[in-house]
Amino acid sequence: ICEQCSEAEGSVQCMSCAGVHAWCGPCAVKAHRNLPFHKVQRWNGAHYQPTSLMDLGFLWHIGHGGDPCPCNWSEPDPEES
């Protein structure tokens, strides 16, 4: 069970973090928001295999304190239509 949300299977572990942790993919990404270079592994049913935070859905926002840019011009503003 995921130690953060307690709802999903805790199939992801981090080899870089201190201690033993078990997260689901989304919670592993949240826990590593400011630790993008940590090495993670995912349980495949038989053993842990290396994966990446990017494979788990991590998107590194540079600037704005790790949050997406508030001036994201790639999405049109529906109020301007």
C-alpha atoms as a PDB file:
ATOM      1  CA  ILE A   1       0.000   0.000   0.000  1.00  0.00           C
ATOM      2  CA  CYS A   2       1.243   3.494  -0.854  1.00  0.00           C
ATOM      3  CA  GLU A   3       2.576   5.196   2.260  1.00  0.00           C
ATOM      4  CA  GLN A   4       1.339   8.602   1.119  1.00  0.00           C
ATOM      5  CA  CYS A   5      -2.220   8.091  -0.182  1.00  0.00           C
ATOM      6  CA  SER A   6      -2.917   4.656   1.383  1.00  0.00           C
ATOM      7  CA  GLU A   7      -5.128   3.855  -1.604  1.00  0.00           C
ATOM      8  CA  ALA A   8      -2.950   2.383  -4.352  1.00  0.00           C
ATOM      9  CA  GLU A   9      -0.294  -0.306  -4.476  1.00  0.00           C
ATOM     10  CA  GLY A  10       3.088   0.908  -3.217  1.00  0.00           C
ATOM     11  CA  SER A  11       5.036  -0.367  -6.211  1.00  0.00           C
ATOM     12  CA  VAL A  12       7.713   2.344  -6.437  1.00  0.00           C
ATOM     13  CA  GLN A  13      10.788   2.644  -4.236  1.00  0.00           C
ATOM     14  CA  CYS A  14      13.608   5.185  -4.301  1.00  0.00           C
ATOM     15  CA  MET A  15      17.199   4.041  -4.075  1.00  0.00           C
ATOM     16  CA  SER A  16      18.367   7.598  -3.302  1.00  0.00           C
ATOM     17  CA  CYS A  17      16.061   8.410  -0.379  1.00  0.00           C
ATOM     18  CA  ALA A  18      17.010   7.475   3.164  1.00  0.00           C
ATOM     19  CA  GLY A  19      14.887   4.719   4.669  1.00  0.00           C
ATOM     20  CA  VAL A  20      12.490   2.293   3.054  1.00  0.00           C
ATOM     21  CA  HIS A  21       9.543   3.814   1.196  1.00  0.00           C
ATOM     22  CA  ALA A  22       6.736   2.442  -0.960  1.00  0.00           C
ATOM     23  CA  TRP A  23       4.703   4.809  -3.155  1.00  0.00           C
ATOM     24  CA  CYS A  24       2.276   4.513  -6.016  1.00  0.00           C
ATOM     25  CA  GLY A  25       3.499   6.244  -9.184  1.00  0.00           C
ATOM     26  CA  PRO A  26       1.673   9.576  -8.682  1.00  0.00           C
ATOM     27  CA  CYS A  27       2.735   9.834  -5.032  1.00  0.00           C
ATOM     28  CA  ALA A  28       6.356   9.005  -5.928  1.00  0.00           C
ATOM     29  CA  VAL A  29       6.265  11.888  -8.392  1.00  0.00           C
ATOM     30  CA  LYS A  30       4.794  14.227  -5.744  1.00  0.00           C
ATOM     31  CA  ALA A  31       7.370  13.132  -3.149  1.00  0.00           C
ATOM     32  CA  HIS A  32      10.178  13.867  -5.615  1.00  0.00           C
ATOM     33  CA  ARG A  33       8.917  17.214  -6.877  1.00  0.00           C
ATOM     34  CA  ASN A  34      12.191  18.846  -5.816  1.00  0.00           C
ATOM     35  CA  LEU A  35      14.372  15.732  -6.199  1.00  0.00           C
ATOM     36  CA  PRO A  36      14.352  15.076  -9.960  1.00  0.00           C
ATOM     37  CA  PHE A  37      17.630  13.155 -10.055  1.00  0.00           C
ATOM     38  CA  HIS A  38      16.714  10.431  -7.567  1.00  0.00           C
ATOM     39  CA  LYS A  39      16.885   6.854  -8.819  1.00  0.00           C
ATOM     40  CA  VAL A  40      13.581   4.987  -8.580  1.00  0.00           C
ATOM     41  CA  GLN A  41      12.530   1.398  -9.182  1.00  0.00           C
ATOM     42  CA  ARG A  42       9.120  -0.119  -9.873  1.00  0.00           C
ATOM     43  CA  TRP A  43       7.902  -3.580  -8.854  1.00  0.00           C
ATOM     44  CA  ASN A  44       7.057  -5.655 -11.939  1.00  0.00           C
ATOM     45  CA  GLY A  45       5.474  -8.592 -10.109  1.00  0.00           C
ATOM     46  CA  ALA A  46       8.719 -10.512  -9.724  1.00  0.00           C
ATOM     47  CA  HIS A  47      11.392  -7.947  -8.839  1.00  0.00           C
ATOM     48  CA  TYR A  48      12.138  -4.231  -8.797  1.00  0.00           C
ATOM     49  CA  GLN A  49      13.366  -2.856 -12.093  1.00  0.00           C
ATOM     50  CA  PRO A  50      14.847   0.577 -12.774  1.00  0.00           C
ATOM     51  CA  THR A  51      12.473   3.215 -14.073  1.00  0.00           C
ATOM     52  CA  SER A  52      12.552   6.994 -14.105  1.00  0.00           C
ATOM     53  CA  LEU A  53      10.494   9.711 -12.533  1.00  0.00           C
ATOM     54  CA  MET A  54       9.723  10.873 -16.071  1.00  0.00           C
ATOM     55  CA  ASP A  55       8.275   7.443 -16.904  1.00  0.00           C
ATOM     56  CA  LEU A  56       6.061   7.864 -13.826  1.00  0.00           C
ATOM     57  CA  GLY A  57       4.751  11.204 -15.101  1.00  0.00           C
ATOM     58  CA  PHE A  58       7.238  13.659 -13.589  1.00  0.00           C
ATOM     59  CA  LEU A  59       7.425  17.013 -15.352  1.00  0.00           C
ATOM     60  CA  TRP A  60      10.135  19.336 -14.087  1.00  0.00           C
ATOM     61  CA  HIS A  61       8.998  22.953 -13.941  1.00  0.00           C
ATOM     62  CA  ILE A  62      12.014  25.238 -13.786  1.00  0.00           C
ATOM     63  CA  GLY A  63      11.303  28.520 -12.055  1.00  0.00           C
ATOM     64  CA  HIS A  64       8.197  29.657 -10.169  1.00  0.00           C
ATOM     65  CA  GLY A  65       9.159  27.497  -7.171  1.00  0.00           C
ATOM     66  CA  GLY A  66       8.624  24.242  -9.060  1.00  0.00           C
ATOM     67  CA  ASP A  67       5.114  25.204 -10.156  1.00  0.00           C
ATOM     68  CA  PRO A  68       4.042  25.552 -13.788  1.00  0.00           C
ATOM     69  CA  CYS A  69       4.548  28.997 -15.285  1.00  0.00           C
ATOM     70  CA  PRO A  70       1.427  31.080 -14.666  1.00  0.00           C
ATOM     71  CA  CYS A  71       1.887  32.585 -18.140  1.00  0.00           C
ATOM     72  CA  ASN A  72       1.612  29.295 -20.032  1.00  0.00           C
ATOM     73  CA  TRP A  73       0.947  30.521 -23.555  1.00  0.00           C
ATOM     74  CA  SER A  74       0.493  27.028 -25.005  1.00  0.00           C
ATOM     75  CA  GLU A  75      -3.117  26.807 -23.814  1.00  0.00           C
ATOM     76  CA  PRO A  76      -5.601  29.329 -25.194  1.00  0.00           C
ATOM     77  CA  ASP A  77      -7.585  31.333 -22.666  1.00  0.00           C
ATOM     78  CA  PRO A  78     -11.280  30.448 -23.127  1.00  0.00           C
ATOM     79  CA  GLU A  79     -12.279  33.917 -21.855  1.00  0.00           C
ATOM     80  CA  GLU A  80     -10.468  35.568 -24.776  1.00  0.00           C
ATOM     81  CA  SER A  81     -12.522  33.719 -27.408  1.00  0.00           C
END
